Structure formats: C-alpha cells, structure tokens
Amino acid sequence: MSTENEGTAVPPAPSAPPVPVDAPTASARQEPAAPHAGAPTTPLPPSSPSASGAHQEQQLVHAGQAPAYAAAGPGGTPQDGSAPQGAWPPPPPPATPSYADPGSGGSPYSDGGPGSGSGGAGDAWGAAYQQPEPKPRSGRGGLVAAVLVAALVAGGLGGGLGYTLAKNDDNSSSTTVSASDSGGSVKRDPGTVAGVAAKALPSTVTIQAESNSGEGGTGTGFVFDTEGHIVTNNHVVADAVDGGKLTATFPSGKKYDAEVVGHAQGYDVAVIKLKNAPSDLKPLTLGDSEKVAVGDSTIAIGAPFGLSNTVTTGIISAKNRPVASSDGTGSNASYMSALQTDASINPGNSGGPLLDAQGNVIGVNSAIQSSGGGLGGTSQSGSIGLGFAIPINQAKYVAQQLIKTGKPVYAKIGASVSLEDGTGGAQITEQGASGSDPVESGGPAAKAGLKPGDVITKLDDRVIDSGPTLIGEIWTHQPGDKVTITYERGGKTHTVELTLGSRTGDS
C-alpha cells in the first residue's frame, strides 16, 4: 500500500461488391465480413502502525505531468483521411461487368488482398454469370417505380400535414413543460456543488515547480490573502526551494511567477507569493476543522495528473487519522492527524483546498492511500477513495508563522519516542536521536516526570497507539498549550499535565 503527498483510426468497412439482379443462388459468393476494429510518494519513514490497523506506513507520490496521447498508432489511417493502398473499397467494375469464377485460391478482393491466389481470374468477385435480357418497362420495375412515386408523394403529403398540425398546435395547450414555462433557471444556487465550484475556482491555482536540473511536477494551491500569498504543500514546491522556477496559473489562464516564502517539511505546508500579484485577489474563506463531522460533504479542487481546475466531491469518512509520509528528499517525515475523505484525490491535487458544502476551506489535500501498482502501469498511483487533508486550523497557524518569520514552529514534549511496531502506544526510547538524551533536560516531559521506557497511551482524550500518532497529535497544538498525558510505567497507569514547548525549523 502507498500514499500520495494520475488511436488509431480504423479504415472504413468494405462495402459489398455489386451483385446482379436475380443472380443464381448456386453462383452466389459469401461476402467477407468487415474486420473488427482493433482495440487499437515515495517510501515512508519507519513508523508504527496502530494496534487497530488505522495507522499504516504510507508513501508520498509527487504530482505528475499529464500524459501525452498519440494521434494515431502504427497501422492507422493516414491523418489526411486518404485510404491506404490496397484497402476497401476496390476500384469500380466495368459498366457491364463480366463475372468470372476466381478459381481455386481466388480472392474476393479486386486488389489481390487477403486470400488472393494464383487463379487467372482472381481479380473478379463472383462466379460466371450471363447478363440477362432487359425486361419490359411495363413489368415489375414499372410497378416498383409507381410504388416509389406513391411513397414519395405520401411522404410529402405527410410532411406537409405534420407541419400544418404542428403549426396549428402552437396555438393550443401543450402537455410538455419547459423551463421557460415553469420559471426555471440555469442559475446555480450558492449551496450547490456547481455554485461552490464557481465561487472557489477563481481563487485556486495550478503550481508548476522546477528545480535547477529541470526536475519538478504539478500541484495546486489556493489564495490565502489579498497580498498574493498562496498556501500549498511543502512537497509541491520542494524542487523549487533552492533557486528553482515556480509559477502559478489561475483558471483564467493568467500565469504569475512566484517565490517560496517559507516551507515546513514536518507539517507538509508551504507558502509562496505571487510576483506582481493582481489587486483583485479573493482569498478563500477558512472554516473550522474542529467542527467538521464524519459524513459532512466535501469538495476537492486540484490538478490531478496535470488536469487543472478539476472538481470532485465526497464526504468526510474519518477524522484524526494518523498519517506519516515523506517527500523522498531525506529522513524527515511529515506527520498529520488528518481529515480523511473519499473525494477523488490524485497526484496533482496536493496543496489544493478541501471545501465543505458552503465553500469554506476545511483542509489542505496532501496524501492518498492507494494500491501499489500505479495507474496504467505508471509509477504514480491513483485514488481508491482514501484521501487525507491537513486540517485547516493547523495549516492556518503554520502559514501565518511562515509568512511572519519564514520558518515553522513546532510544539513538542521534549522526549524521543519509538517509531516501531508493537509498543502499545508511544514508548519513550532509551536513547535519543544522534546520541542525545531521550528526555530533554528541563523540557516539558522532564518537568512532568516522564522517563525512558514510559509508554504514552493518551493525549487529552485522543488514544495514542504509536509514536507517529503522538507526533501528529502534538503538532495539532501550539507551543504553550496545556495537555494531559496518560502513560504506563511498570504495569500501572499514570496521568500528568504538561505545557508544550517549542522548536523552530525543520532540523
């Protein structure tokens, strides 16, 4: 399993060869049937799944470019529409054809096509046939002509009568009802998906990020304020951080160069700013992700597989889902207590807004759970209905910090926890990262009396089943917040309150 941080023209069928009137049954040939047209991201850091199976290792797949499709494949009809040599229909026969038996191995094709043999008359269609004498004009042919004329006259009469009745019916009452009769309108109400999309789309952008070496991809962002700040994912702009090229294109087609204001790898949030930003920017309204409920409607906007301005819908299928993902550029991972949605999200949707039914932003689309094979054999996987978004309350706080200082600020407890399986919670390790102390001296955990080997099982009312789950939950808070920690030591459960500390930057 993995997660995301997306003709050949067929020649016309051959027409049937001419068959003379009243041809003898014995000499009739079976016409060959027309041939059927041929049917012409990145590895997760080590993490500990939850005991309930909710938390799994996930892979962040970067936004991909839209695929290019060929105009015609091998063997296809030339693009100028001309029929290939030797294809149907064959050249017209003489005015008075002489039908000969093609003989053994003869071909029904006048150009010596499939089935053509060595028979001397292999270029003909049927068996030998003697042209009949013309029949008198007063015979059946005359009757057929008369019937045909009668039919044409009747058809003209019926058409004229139908027109007259229809014209007369305009002045009478009709049993059908049109929109104009009922006062209906094609105007979309604000609460509909179409109404929300019409209002939100002008404030979303498709982001193209390119590194100095030419590598990059496509993602999405949305207008955060009137000054030209755009919120997106860190992994969307990571390639352009160190002197790369960054552009943002609105649905109107207007494209702006942009620069990275700040990025937070741990949160997977970044802020870019448009150069020469227009004065008429309309920021999207930010909602309250704490008030979101399972079952609420969702609307996602993005550029899946490079298909800009795509709108999909779904519901909130879960809240507080622990998700760990990496952009593949290092060991640092992104952790979130995510909003889970079944709205279709694919590579390229990253950084785009997840809206509620009123058009308020409730999350930033960041990752997907998907099957490992990829879409159509490609390395990028597609949506299977499990998308994850960073709650907007968290993304808003991070974005404001990035705009203010250019660096992210993380809440912390001051203790190293295991990312491995089977700990039954978040176990404080015996050794800290890079040889540091597992419990920071003078930090929040130390002041609260926590020690190596303690297993944290709850943070406030959130059940903690792994180290990544604890990190994701801590990062939903801000430094200075007071939280209640429940932990186990020596088979006994303890509860303690502590005040979260802070760490600046990703290092």
Protein backbone atom coordinates (compact mmCIF):
# COMPACT_ATOMS: atom_id res chain seq x y z
CA MET A 1 0.00 0.00 0.00
CA SER A 2 1.16 3.55 -0.64
CA THR A 3 0.07 7.18 -0.21
CA GLU A 4 0.28 10.45 -2.21
CA ASN A 5 1.86 13.67 -0.53
CA GLU A 6 -2.56 10.37 -12.49
CA GLY A 7 -5.59 5.79 -31.66
CA THR A 8 -5.64 4.51 -34.37
CA ALA A 9 -8.22 5.49 -36.96
CA VAL A 10 -9.92 2.39 -38.37
CA PRO A 11 -10.35 2.17 -42.17
CA PRO A 12 -13.98 2.13 -43.27
CA ALA A 13 -15.50 -1.35 -43.52
CA PRO A 14 -15.57 -2.67 -47.11
CA SER A 15 -18.80 -2.13 -48.97
CA ALA A 16 -20.46 -5.19 -50.51
CA PRO A 17 -19.44 -5.98 -54.12
CA PRO A 18 -22.13 -5.44 -56.76
CA VAL A 19 -24.44 -8.42 -57.19
CA PRO A 20 -26.57 -8.64 -60.38
CA VAL A 21 -30.32 -8.86 -60.14
CA ASP A 22 -31.71 -12.38 -59.92
CA ALA A 23 -28.21 -13.90 -59.67
CA PRO A 24 -28.34 -17.73 -59.50
CA THR A 25 -28.16 -19.00 -55.95
CA ALA A 26 -25.54 -21.60 -56.79
CA SER A 27 -23.06 -19.00 -58.00
CA ALA A 28 -23.53 -16.51 -55.18
CA ARG A 29 -20.42 -15.93 -53.03
CA GLN A 30 -20.31 -15.23 -49.31
CA GLU A 31 -19.11 -11.64 -48.83
CA PRO A 32 -16.23 -11.48 -46.28
CA ALA A 33 -17.22 -9.79 -43.05
CA ALA A 34 -15.72 -6.41 -42.28
CA PRO A 35 -12.83 -6.82 -39.87
CA HIS A 36 -13.36 -5.72 -36.30
CA ALA A 37 -11.55 -2.57 -35.28
CA GLY A 38 -8.57 -3.43 -33.10
CA ALA A 39 -8.52 -2.20 -29.63
CA PRO A 40 -6.32 -0.11 -31.49
CA THR A 41 5.06 9.06 -2.70
CA THR A 42 7.95 7.99 -2.03
CA PRO A 43 8.89 5.43 0.69
CA LEU A 44 7.60 6.13 4.15
CA PRO A 45 9.89 6.64 7.06
CA PRO A 46 9.74 3.81 9.56
CA SER A 47 6.56 4.18 11.50
CA SER A 48 4.49 2.11 13.83
CA PRO A 49 1.03 1.10 12.65
CA SER A 50 -1.75 1.41 15.14
CA ALA A 51 -2.89 -1.59 17.04
CA SER A 52 -6.27 -1.25 15.38
CA GLY A 53 -4.80 -1.15 11.91
CA ALA A 54 -5.70 2.51 11.41
CA HIS A 55 -2.12 3.70 11.10
CA GLN A 56 -0.08 2.27 8.23
CA GLU A 57 3.15 3.15 6.52
CA GLN A 58 2.40 5.36 3.57
CA GLN A 59 4.22 6.73 0.59
CA LEU A 60 4.03 10.22 -0.79
CA VAL A 61 3.67 10.29 -4.56
CA HIS A 62 4.60 13.57 -6.18
CA ALA A 63 2.29 15.36 -8.56
CA GLY A 64 2.75 14.14 -12.11
CA GLN A 65 2.54 15.64 -15.55
CA ALA A 66 -0.44 14.98 -17.75
CA PRO A 67 0.18 12.11 -20.20
CA ALA A 68 0.59 12.83 -23.90
CA TYR A 69 -1.57 10.82 -26.26
CA ALA A 70 -0.50 9.92 -29.82
CA ALA A 71 -2.72 10.96 -32.69
CA ALA A 72 -2.51 7.60 -34.44
CA GLY A 73 -0.77 4.32 -33.81
CA PRO A 74 1.02 2.01 -36.21
CA GLY A 75 -1.16 0.81 -39.00
CA GLY A 76 -3.66 3.58 -38.50
CA THR A 77 -5.36 5.56 -41.23
CA PRO A 78 -3.21 8.46 -42.54
CA GLN A 79 -4.12 11.75 -40.87
CA ASP A 80 -5.13 13.28 -44.23
CA GLY A 81 -8.03 10.84 -44.34
CA SER A 82 -6.87 9.07 -47.54
CA ALA A 83 -7.43 5.31 -47.67
CA PRO A 84 -4.27 3.21 -47.54
CA GLN A 85 -3.20 1.42 -50.71
CA GLY A 86 -4.96 -1.88 -51.12
CA ALA A 87 -7.79 -1.06 -48.74
CA TRP A 88 -11.55 -1.13 -49.37
CA PRO A 89 -13.48 -0.02 -51.35
CA PRO A 90 -11.96 -1.57 -54.53
CA PRO A 91 -11.96 0.25 -57.90
CA PRO A 92 -15.36 0.29 -59.60
CA PRO A 93 -16.03 -2.56 -62.05
CA PRO A 94 -16.70 -2.02 -65.77
CA ALA A 95 -20.08 -0.68 -66.84
CA THR A 96 -21.14 -4.18 -67.96
CA PRO A 97 -19.13 -6.48 -65.62
CA SER A 98 -18.18 -9.94 -66.68
CA TYR A 99 -18.15 -12.07 -63.55
CA ALA A 100 -15.67 -14.92 -63.61
CA ASP A 101 -15.01 -17.76 -61.24
CA PRO A 102 -11.88 -16.82 -59.29
CA GLY A 103 -10.91 -20.44 -59.21
CA SER A 104 -9.08 -22.31 -56.52
CA GLY A 105 -7.49 -19.93 -54.06
CA GLY A 106 -9.08 -16.91 -55.78
CA SER A 107 -9.53 -13.69 -53.84
CA PRO A 108 -12.76 -11.76 -53.36
CA TYR A 109 -10.64 -8.59 -53.26
CA SER A 110 -10.02 -6.76 -56.55
CA ASP A 111 -6.56 -5.68 -55.34
CA GLY A 112 -5.28 -9.17 -54.59
CA GLY A 113 -5.86 -8.73 -50.86
CA PRO A 114 -6.15 -11.44 -48.26
CA GLY A 115 -6.92 -14.81 -49.74
CA SER A 116 -5.68 -13.93 -53.25
CA GLY A 117 -4.31 -16.96 -55.07
CA SER A 118 -2.80 -17.92 -58.41
CA GLY A 119 -6.06 -18.30 -60.31
CA GLY A 120 -6.13 -16.46 -63.62
CA ALA A 121 -9.37 -14.73 -62.79
CA GLY A 122 -8.51 -13.98 -59.18
CA ASP A 123 -9.36 -10.28 -59.59
CA ALA A 124 -13.09 -10.87 -60.10
CA TRP A 125 -15.80 -11.06 -57.45
CA GLY A 126 -18.19 -13.92 -58.19
CA ALA A 127 -18.96 -16.92 -60.37
CA ALA A 128 -19.52 -16.68 -64.13
CA TYR A 129 -22.81 -15.09 -64.99
CA GLN A 130 -24.62 -14.26 -68.24
CA GLN A 131 -26.13 -10.79 -68.39
CA PRO A 132 -29.93 -11.22 -68.68
CA GLU A 133 -32.00 -9.62 -71.37
CA PRO A 134 -33.62 -6.33 -70.34
CA LYS A 135 -37.15 -6.80 -69.10
CA PRO A 136 -40.10 -4.83 -70.47
CA ARG A 137 -40.59 -1.46 -68.80
CA SER A 138 -44.22 -2.31 -68.15
CA GLY A 139 -43.30 -5.21 -65.86
CA ARG A 140 -42.48 -5.29 -62.18
CA GLY A 141 -39.99 -2.46 -62.50
CA GLY A 142 -42.81 -0.16 -63.51
CA LEU A 143 -44.82 -1.25 -60.52
CA VAL A 144 -41.87 -0.61 -58.20
CA ALA A 145 -41.39 2.83 -59.72
CA ALA A 146 -45.06 3.56 -59.24
CA VAL A 147 -44.94 2.44 -55.65
CA LEU A 148 -41.86 4.56 -55.10
CA VAL A 149 -43.53 7.62 -56.55
CA ALA A 150 -46.60 6.94 -54.46
CA ALA A 151 -44.46 6.63 -51.37
CA LEU A 152 -42.69 9.89 -52.14
CA VAL A 153 -45.99 11.64 -52.68
CA ALA A 154 -47.36 10.18 -49.45
CA GLY A 155 -44.21 11.25 -47.63
CA GLY A 156 -44.51 14.80 -48.93
CA LEU A 157 -48.16 14.84 -48.06
CA GLY A 158 -47.48 13.55 -44.54
CA GLY A 159 -44.72 16.10 -44.05
CA GLY A 160 -46.92 18.95 -45.12
CA LEU A 161 -49.77 17.70 -42.97
CA GLY A 162 -47.42 17.29 -39.99
CA TYR A 163 -46.13 20.84 -40.43
CA THR A 164 -49.67 22.19 -40.60
CA LEU A 165 -50.75 20.29 -37.47
CA ALA A 166 -47.64 21.37 -35.59
CA LYS A 167 -48.21 24.98 -36.60
CA ASN A 168 -51.82 24.82 -35.53
CA ASP A 169 -50.80 23.12 -32.26
CA ASP A 170 -48.67 26.18 -31.35
CA ASN A 171 -51.90 27.98 -30.56
CA SER A 172 -53.27 25.17 -28.38
CA SER A 173 -52.33 23.94 -24.91
CA SER A 174 -49.27 21.62 -24.71
CA THR A 175 -48.75 18.67 -22.39
CA THR A 176 -44.99 19.33 -22.14
CA VAL A 177 -43.45 21.80 -19.74
CA SER A 178 -40.24 23.69 -20.48
CA ALA A 179 -38.04 25.69 -18.11
CA SER A 180 -39.34 28.92 -19.57
CA ASP A 181 -42.93 27.86 -18.82
CA SER A 182 -42.22 26.95 -15.20
CA GLY A 183 -39.99 29.89 -14.45
CA GLY A 184 -36.98 27.57 -14.06
CA SER A 185 -33.48 28.92 -14.44
CA VAL A 186 -30.00 27.54 -15.10
CA LYS A 187 -28.65 29.76 -12.31
CA ARG A 188 -26.81 27.66 -9.74
CA ASP A 189 -27.70 28.24 -6.11
CA PRO A 190 -24.80 29.07 -3.76
CA GLY A 191 -25.27 25.86 -1.78
CA THR A 192 -24.91 23.50 -4.75
CA VAL A 193 -21.62 21.91 -5.79
CA ALA A 194 -21.72 23.93 -9.00
CA GLY A 195 -22.29 27.12 -7.03
CA VAL A 196 -19.43 26.39 -4.64
CA ALA A 197 -17.09 25.46 -7.50
CA ALA A 198 -17.95 28.60 -9.46
CA LYS A 199 -17.03 30.74 -6.46
CA ALA A 200 -13.91 28.83 -5.37
CA LEU A 201 -12.24 28.00 -8.69
CA PRO A 202 -11.09 31.59 -9.44
CA SER A 203 -9.13 31.52 -6.16
CA THR A 204 -7.23 28.30 -6.85
CA VAL A 205 -4.01 27.96 -8.85
CA THR A 206 -2.09 25.21 -10.60
CA ILE A 207 1.53 25.29 -9.45
CA GLN A 208 4.47 24.26 -11.61
CA ALA A 209 7.70 23.74 -9.66
CA GLU A 210 11.01 23.10 -11.41
CA SER A 211 14.48 22.61 -9.97
CA ASN A 212 17.71 23.90 -11.49
CA SER A 213 18.22 20.50 -13.07
CA GLY A 214 14.81 20.63 -14.76
CA GLU A 215 13.05 18.18 -12.46
CA GLY A 216 9.68 19.06 -10.97
CA GLY A 217 5.97 18.49 -11.08
CA THR A 218 2.48 19.88 -10.82
CA GLY A 219 0.48 20.70 -7.71
CA THR A 220 -2.26 23.01 -6.50
CA GLY A 221 -2.62 25.96 -4.15
CA PHE A 222 -5.23 28.50 -3.09
CA VAL A 223 -5.30 32.22 -2.36
CA PHE A 224 -4.65 32.84 1.34
CA ASP A 225 -4.79 36.66 1.46
CA THR A 226 -5.05 39.72 -0.76
CA GLU A 227 -1.28 40.27 -0.70
CA GLY A 228 -0.63 37.37 -3.06
CA HIS A 229 0.21 34.58 -0.61
CA ILE A 230 -0.72 31.09 -1.79
CA VAL A 231 -0.94 28.07 0.54
CA THR A 232 0.15 24.67 -0.77
CA ASN A 233 2.09 21.55 0.31
CA ASN A 234 5.80 21.54 1.05
CA HIS A 235 6.34 18.58 -1.28
CA VAL A 236 4.73 20.52 -4.15
CA VAL A 237 7.36 23.30 -4.07
CA ALA A 238 10.34 21.35 -2.68
CA ASP A 239 12.06 21.21 -6.07
CA ALA A 240 11.99 25.00 -6.43
CA VAL A 241 13.19 25.90 -2.93
CA ASP A 242 16.86 26.32 -3.81
CA GLY A 243 16.78 28.65 -6.78
CA GLY A 244 14.34 26.72 -8.92
CA LYS A 245 11.48 28.09 -11.03
CA LEU A 246 7.96 28.46 -9.67
CA THR A 247 4.80 29.55 -11.49
CA ALA A 248 1.12 29.75 -10.52
CA THR A 249 -1.63 29.68 -13.14
CA PHE A 250 -5.23 30.75 -12.46
CA PRO A 251 -8.24 29.15 -14.22
CA SER A 252 -8.49 32.32 -16.33
CA GLY A 253 -5.15 31.40 -17.87
CA LYS A 254 -3.18 34.19 -16.19
CA LYS A 255 0.21 32.94 -15.07
CA TYR A 256 2.45 34.52 -12.45
CA ASP A 257 6.00 33.84 -11.37
CA ALA A 258 6.20 33.08 -7.66
CA GLU A 259 8.74 32.59 -4.89
CA VAL A 260 8.79 30.42 -1.76
CA VAL A 261 8.15 32.49 1.39
CA GLY A 262 8.57 29.57 3.78
CA HIS A 263 8.10 25.82 3.96
CA ALA A 264 7.61 23.27 6.74
CA GLN A 265 8.57 19.71 5.91
CA GLY A 266 7.17 18.27 9.13
CA TYR A 267 3.77 19.85 8.61
CA ASP A 268 3.97 19.47 4.79
CA VAL A 269 2.81 23.07 4.43
CA ALA A 270 4.38 25.82 2.33
CA VAL A 271 3.54 29.42 1.42
CA ILE A 272 4.50 31.01 -1.88
CA LYS A 273 3.94 34.58 -3.02
CA LEU A 274 2.97 35.79 -6.47
CA LYS A 275 5.28 38.31 -8.08
CA ASN A 276 3.36 41.34 -9.36
CA ALA A 277 0.20 39.96 -7.75
CA PRO A 278 -3.09 41.35 -9.10
CA SER A 279 -5.10 43.71 -6.92
CA ASP A 280 -8.37 41.78 -7.23
CA LEU A 281 -7.37 38.56 -5.45
CA LYS A 282 -10.19 36.93 -3.48
CA PRO A 283 -8.97 34.71 -0.63
CA LEU A 284 -10.97 31.58 0.08
CA THR A 285 -12.93 31.60 3.33
CA LEU A 286 -11.32 29.44 6.01
CA GLY A 287 -13.60 27.15 8.01
CA ASP A 288 -13.13 25.45 11.38
CA SER A 289 -11.76 21.91 11.03
CA GLU A 290 -12.59 21.16 14.69
CA LYS A 291 -16.29 21.43 13.88
CA VAL A 292 -16.15 19.03 10.95
CA ALA A 293 -18.14 15.82 11.45
CA VAL A 294 -17.90 12.42 9.80
CA GLY A 295 -20.42 12.36 6.95
CA ASP A 296 -20.09 16.07 6.08
CA SER A 297 -19.93 16.77 2.35
CA THR A 298 -16.56 17.66 0.84
CA ILE A 299 -15.42 19.26 -2.41
CA ALA A 300 -11.82 18.94 -3.60
CA ILE A 301 -10.24 21.19 -6.23
CA GLY A 302 -6.93 20.48 -7.90
CA ALA A 303 -4.95 19.37 -10.95
CA PRO A 304 -4.93 15.55 -10.83
CA PHE A 305 -2.29 14.25 -13.25
CA GLY A 306 -1.93 17.79 -14.58
CA LEU A 307 -5.66 18.22 -15.37
CA SER A 308 -6.10 21.70 -13.94
CA ASN A 309 -9.28 23.02 -12.33
CA THR A 310 -10.75 19.60 -11.60
CA VAL A 311 -13.58 19.41 -9.05
CA THR A 312 -14.50 16.20 -7.20
CA THR A 313 -16.90 15.50 -4.35
CA GLY A 314 -17.25 13.14 -1.41
CA ILE A 315 -17.69 13.14 2.35
CA ILE A 316 -15.55 13.21 5.48
CA SER A 317 -15.05 9.48 6.07
CA ALA A 318 -12.93 9.80 9.24
CA LYS A 319 -11.23 12.36 11.49
CA ASN A 320 -7.95 12.40 13.41
CA ARG A 321 -6.44 9.79 11.10
CA PRO A 322 -2.70 9.41 11.89
CA VAL A 323 -0.72 9.70 8.65
CA ALA A 324 3.03 9.72 8.16
CA SER A 325 4.55 10.47 4.77
CA SER A 326 7.82 11.61 3.23
CA ASP A 327 8.74 13.64 0.15
CA GLY A 328 11.67 11.35 -0.50
CA THR A 329 14.37 14.04 -0.09
CA GLY A 330 15.55 12.95 3.34
CA SER A 331 14.75 11.15 6.55
CA ASN A 332 12.47 13.87 7.88
CA ALA A 333 8.84 12.90 7.62
CA SER A 334 5.52 14.70 7.62
CA TYR A 335 3.01 13.77 10.32
CA MET A 336 -0.61 14.77 10.48
CA SER A 337 -3.79 13.99 12.33
CA ALA A 338 -5.69 14.10 9.08
CA LEU A 339 -9.18 14.58 7.79
CA GLN A 340 -9.99 11.52 5.69
CA THR A 341 -12.21 11.92 2.63
CA ASP A 342 -13.43 9.75 -0.23
CA ALA A 343 -13.44 12.68 -2.66
CA SER A 344 -11.25 11.64 -5.59
CA ILE A 345 -7.73 12.96 -4.92
CA ASN A 346 -4.76 12.09 -7.14
CA PRO A 347 -1.18 13.25 -7.72
CA GLY A 348 -1.57 16.92 -8.67
CA ASN A 349 -4.34 17.56 -6.13
CA SER A 350 -1.68 18.09 -3.48
CA GLY A 351 -1.88 21.51 -1.87
CA GLY A 352 -5.39 22.17 -3.13
CA PRO A 353 -8.33 23.11 -0.90
CA LEU A 354 -10.75 20.64 0.63
CA LEU A 355 -14.01 22.56 0.99
CA ASP A 356 -17.19 21.98 2.93
CA ALA A 357 -20.65 22.27 1.39
CA GLN A 358 -20.65 26.05 1.95
CA GLY A 359 -17.30 26.54 0.19
CA ASN A 360 -15.18 27.07 3.32
CA VAL A 361 -11.70 25.55 3.34
CA ILE A 362 -11.54 22.79 5.96
CA GLY A 363 -8.30 21.13 4.87
CA VAL A 364 -5.31 21.08 2.54
CA ASN A 365 -5.19 17.93 0.39
CA SER A 366 -1.88 16.22 0.99
CA ALA A 367 -1.85 12.42 0.63
CA ILE A 368 -3.71 9.40 -0.66
CA GLN A 369 -3.78 5.73 0.23
CA SER A 370 -3.59 3.72 -2.95
CA SER A 371 -2.80 0.31 -4.40
CA GLY A 372 0.85 -0.17 -5.25
CA GLY A 373 0.70 -0.92 -8.99
CA GLY A 374 0.18 2.61 -10.21
CA LEU A 375 -2.27 3.88 -12.80
CA GLY A 376 -1.99 2.22 -16.19
CA GLY A 377 1.35 0.69 -15.28
CA THR A 378 2.92 4.02 -14.31
CA SER A 379 4.81 4.70 -11.12
CA GLN A 380 2.08 7.06 -9.88
CA SER A 381 -0.86 5.56 -8.08
CA GLY A 382 -4.43 6.74 -8.35
CA SER A 383 -7.26 7.34 -5.94
CA ILE A 384 -9.06 4.44 -4.29
CA GLY A 385 -11.26 6.72 -2.21
CA LEU A 386 -8.89 7.30 0.73
CA GLY A 387 -7.57 10.84 0.69
CA PHE A 388 -6.02 12.77 3.57
CA ALA A 389 -6.02 16.50 4.21
CA ILE A 390 -4.19 18.64 6.76
CA PRO A 391 -6.84 20.25 9.00
CA ILE A 392 -7.15 23.93 8.11
CA ASN A 393 -6.79 25.06 11.74
CA GLN A 394 -3.30 23.60 11.75
CA ALA A 395 -2.44 24.76 8.21
CA LYS A 396 -3.60 28.30 9.00
CA TYR A 397 -1.33 28.53 12.07
CA VAL A 398 1.66 27.19 10.12
CA ALA A 399 1.03 29.51 7.16
CA GLN A 400 0.85 32.56 9.42
CA GLN A 401 4.17 31.58 11.05
CA LEU A 402 5.81 31.11 7.65
CA ILE A 403 4.59 34.50 6.42
CA LYS A 404 5.77 36.17 9.63
CA THR A 405 9.20 34.57 10.08
CA GLY A 406 9.80 32.26 7.10
CA LYS A 407 10.31 29.31 9.48
CA PRO A 408 7.94 26.78 11.01
CA VAL A 409 7.42 26.45 14.76
CA TYR A 410 6.58 23.02 16.19
CA ALA A 411 5.07 22.10 19.54
CA LYS A 412 6.97 19.43 21.48
CA ILE A 413 7.05 17.48 24.76
CA GLY A 414 10.84 17.15 24.82
CA ALA A 415 11.13 13.36 24.59
CA SER A 416 12.14 10.88 21.86
CA VAL A 417 9.60 8.18 21.10
CA SER A 418 9.88 4.90 19.20
CA LEU A 419 8.50 4.70 15.67
CA GLU A 420 8.46 0.92 15.73
CA ASP A 421 5.62 -1.57 15.98
CA GLY A 422 4.21 -3.36 18.97
CA THR A 423 4.80 -0.79 21.70
CA GLY A 424 1.10 -0.45 22.52
CA GLY A 425 1.47 3.34 22.44
CA ALA A 426 4.27 5.88 22.10
CA GLN A 427 7.19 4.48 24.08
CA ILE A 428 9.92 6.87 25.20
CA THR A 429 13.20 5.43 23.89
CA GLU A 430 16.27 4.58 25.90
CA GLN A 431 18.45 6.64 23.56
CA GLY A 432 17.64 9.93 21.83
CA ALA A 433 18.37 10.85 18.22
CA SER A 434 22.07 11.26 17.35
CA GLY A 435 23.09 10.22 20.84
CA SER A 436 21.10 12.86 22.65
CA ASP A 437 19.22 12.30 25.87
CA PRO A 438 15.84 10.55 25.34
CA VAL A 439 14.19 13.02 27.73
CA GLU A 440 15.34 16.60 27.20
CA SER A 441 16.77 18.11 30.37
CA GLY A 442 14.47 20.84 31.65
CA GLY A 443 11.90 20.13 28.91
CA PRO A 444 8.16 19.59 29.35
CA ALA A 445 8.43 15.79 29.67
CA ALA A 446 11.22 16.02 32.22
CA LYS A 447 9.30 18.54 34.31
CA ALA A 448 6.28 16.21 34.21
CA GLY A 449 8.39 13.30 35.50
CA LEU A 450 8.35 11.18 32.33
CA LYS A 451 11.22 8.69 31.93
CA PRO A 452 12.69 6.38 29.26
CA GLY A 453 10.53 3.26 28.90
CA ASP A 454 7.27 5.04 29.74
CA VAL A 455 4.50 4.30 27.22
CA ILE A 456 2.19 7.22 26.43
CA THR A 457 -1.31 5.93 25.70
CA LYS A 458 -3.41 9.11 25.58
CA LEU A 459 -3.02 12.82 24.88
CA ASP A 460 -6.07 14.54 26.32
CA ASP A 461 -8.92 12.35 25.02
CA ARG A 462 -7.03 11.03 21.96
CA VAL A 463 -5.92 7.42 22.11
CA ILE A 464 -2.22 7.12 21.25
CA ASP A 465 -1.28 3.79 19.65
CA SER A 466 2.14 4.64 18.19
CA GLY A 467 4.93 7.19 18.09
CA PRO A 468 3.77 8.77 14.79
CA THR A 469 0.26 9.11 16.21
CA LEU A 470 1.63 11.03 19.21
CA ILE A 471 3.68 13.34 16.98
CA GLY A 472 0.73 14.07 14.73
CA GLU A 473 -1.48 14.88 17.73
CA ILE A 474 1.14 17.12 19.37
CA TRP A 475 1.51 19.07 16.13
CA THR A 476 -2.18 19.88 16.08
CA HIS A 477 -1.44 22.06 19.14
CA GLN A 478 0.59 25.22 19.52
CA PRO A 479 3.53 25.83 21.86
CA GLY A 480 2.27 26.86 25.29
CA ASP A 481 -0.85 24.69 25.15
CA LYS A 482 -1.52 22.60 28.26
CA VAL A 483 -2.24 18.93 27.60
CA THR A 484 -2.94 15.88 29.75
CA ILE A 485 -0.67 12.88 29.21
CA THR A 486 -1.72 9.36 30.20
CA TYR A 487 1.16 6.85 30.36
CA GLU A 488 2.01 3.41 31.66
CA ARG A 489 5.03 2.52 33.79
CA GLY A 490 5.64 -0.86 35.41
CA GLY A 491 2.11 -2.04 34.60
CA LYS A 492 0.46 0.96 36.25
CA THR A 493 -1.33 3.88 34.59
CA HIS A 494 -0.44 7.46 35.46
CA THR A 495 -1.78 10.85 34.37
CA VAL A 496 0.12 14.12 34.29
CA GLU A 497 -0.42 17.60 32.87
CA LEU A 498 2.33 19.40 30.98
CA THR A 499 2.83 22.56 28.93
CA LEU A 500 4.07 22.04 25.39
CA GLY A 501 7.40 23.55 24.44
CA SER A 502 8.52 24.79 21.01
CA ARG A 503 11.06 24.05 18.31
CA THR A 504 11.85 26.34 15.39
CA GLY A 505 12.76 24.98 11.96
CA ASP A 506 12.81 21.51 10.45
CA SER A 507 16.26 20.49 11.67
